[in-house]
Amino acid sequence: MSGSAINLLDVSLFTERREHDVFKTLRDEHRIYFHSEPDGPGFHVVTRYSDVAEVLQAPETIING
C-alpha cells in the first residue's frame, strides 16, 4: 500500500477492520504523513511514539521543516 492509496477518511477501513495494515504502512514508510481532505485543509498523521514525542516538543519545526 503506497501513501497515495491511504485514505483515512474511508469509514469502511475501520468498520471492516482493515486499519491495522494502513497504520503499519504509515509507521514503516512515512515519518509524518500529510493526508489531504476534499473539503478541508488536510491533516498530518504521526504514528510512531518517538515521532509524536518530537512533534509535541517542536511542532512548527517538525511539521513545517
C-alpha atoms as a PDB file:
ATOM      1  CA  MET A   1       0.000   0.000   0.000  1.00  0.00           C
ATOM      2  CA  SER A   2       1.531   3.283  -1.039  1.00  0.00           C
ATOM      3  CA  GLY A   3       0.965   6.687   0.519  1.00  0.00           C
ATOM      4  CA  SER A   4      -1.295   7.688  -2.347  1.00  0.00           C
ATOM      5  CA  ALA A   5      -3.607   4.734  -1.580  1.00  0.00           C
ATOM      6  CA  ILE A   6      -4.077   5.702   2.066  1.00  0.00           C
ATOM      7  CA  ASN A   7      -7.498   7.138   2.798  1.00  0.00           C
ATOM      8  CA  LEU A   8      -8.206   7.546   6.498  1.00  0.00           C
ATOM      9  CA  LEU A   9     -11.480   9.270   5.607  1.00  0.00           C
ATOM     10  CA  ASP A  10     -12.889   5.970   4.314  1.00  0.00           C
ATOM     11  CA  VAL A  11     -15.130   4.693   7.125  1.00  0.00           C
ATOM     12  CA  SER A  12     -15.085   1.161   5.702  1.00  0.00           C
ATOM     13  CA  LEU A  13     -11.394   0.973   6.539  1.00  0.00           C
ATOM     14  CA  PHE A  14     -12.396   0.902  10.205  1.00  0.00           C
ATOM     15  CA  THR A  15     -15.733  -0.915  10.010  1.00  0.00           C
ATOM     16  CA  GLU A  16     -14.089  -3.737   8.057  1.00  0.00           C
ATOM     17  CA  ARG A  17     -11.123  -3.781  10.474  1.00  0.00           C
ATOM     18  CA  ARG A  18      -8.509  -3.039   7.784  1.00  0.00           C
ATOM     19  CA  GLU A  19      -6.935  -0.083   9.583  1.00  0.00           C
ATOM     20  CA  HIS A  20      -4.046  -2.075  11.081  1.00  0.00           C
ATOM     21  CA  ASP A  21      -2.384  -2.585   7.696  1.00  0.00           C
ATOM     22  CA  VAL A  22      -2.743   1.108   6.903  1.00  0.00           C
ATOM     23  CA  PHE A  23      -1.210   2.212  10.191  1.00  0.00           C
ATOM     24  CA  LYS A  24       1.630  -0.293   9.736  1.00  0.00           C
ATOM     25  CA  THR A  25       2.349   1.222   6.325  1.00  0.00           C
ATOM     26  CA  LEU A  26       2.322   4.697   7.839  1.00  0.00           C
ATOM     27  CA  ARG A  27       4.720   3.636  10.623  1.00  0.00           C
ATOM     28  CA  ASP A  28       7.057   1.852   8.204  1.00  0.00           C
ATOM     29  CA  GLU A  29       7.085   4.285   5.288  1.00  0.00           C
ATOM     30  CA  HIS A  30       6.034   7.749   6.450  1.00  0.00           C
ATOM     31  CA  ARG A  31       7.536   9.523   9.417  1.00  0.00           C
ATOM     32  CA  ILE A  32       4.909  12.260   9.095  1.00  0.00           C
ATOM     33  CA  TYR A  33       2.174  11.821   6.525  1.00  0.00           C
ATOM     34  CA  PHE A  34       0.035  14.673   5.221  1.00  0.00           C
ATOM     35  CA  HIS A  35      -3.482  13.495   4.445  1.00  0.00           C
ATOM     36  CA  SER A  36      -5.471  15.784   2.171  1.00  0.00           C
ATOM     37  CA  GLU A  37      -9.204  16.345   2.571  1.00  0.00           C
ATOM     38  CA  PRO A  38     -11.551  17.082  -0.332  1.00  0.00           C
ATOM     39  CA  ASP A  39     -13.334  19.885   1.534  1.00  0.00           C
ATOM     40  CA  GLY A  40     -10.830  20.813   4.207  1.00  0.00           C
ATOM     41  CA  PRO A  41      -7.279  21.823   4.948  1.00  0.00           C
ATOM     42  CA  GLY A  42      -5.972  18.272   5.424  1.00  0.00           C
ATOM     43  CA  PHE A  43      -4.129  16.916   8.435  1.00  0.00           C
ATOM     44  CA  HIS A  44      -0.836  15.398   9.479  1.00  0.00           C
ATOM     45  CA  VAL A  45      -0.635  11.795  10.662  1.00  0.00           C
ATOM     46  CA  VAL A  46       2.114  10.819  13.096  1.00  0.00           C
ATOM     47  CA  THR A  47       2.042   7.142  14.117  1.00  0.00           C
ATOM     48  CA  ARG A  48       5.341   6.357  15.848  1.00  0.00           C
ATOM     49  CA  TYR A  49       5.724   7.189  19.529  1.00  0.00           C
ATOM     50  CA  SER A  50       9.153   8.777  19.129  1.00  0.00           C
ATOM     51  CA  ASP A  51       7.883  10.991  16.309  1.00  0.00           C
ATOM     52  CA  VAL A  52       4.817  12.018  18.335  1.00  0.00           C
ATOM     53  CA  ALA A  53       7.082  12.997  21.240  1.00  0.00           C
ATOM     54  CA  GLU A  54       9.304  15.017  18.893  1.00  0.00           C
ATOM     55  CA  VAL A  55       6.365  16.815  17.265  1.00  0.00           C
ATOM     56  CA  LEU A  56       4.971  17.700  20.690  1.00  0.00           C
ATOM     57  CA  GLN A  57       8.299  19.350  21.590  1.00  0.00           C
ATOM     58  CA  ALA A  58       8.564  21.489  18.438  1.00  0.00           C
ATOM     59  CA  PRO A  59       5.504  21.127  16.190  1.00  0.00           C
ATOM     60  CA  GLU A  60       6.194  24.032  13.847  1.00  0.00           C
ATOM     61  CA  THR A  61       9.799  22.905  13.274  1.00  0.00           C
ATOM     62  CA  ILE A  62       8.931  19.279  12.596  1.00  0.00           C
ATOM     63  CA  ILE A  63       5.707  19.696  10.589  1.00  0.00           C
ATOM     64  CA  ASN A  64       6.854  22.666   8.504  1.00  0.00           C
ATOM     65  CA  GLY A  65      10.535  21.744   8.398  1.00  0.00           C
END
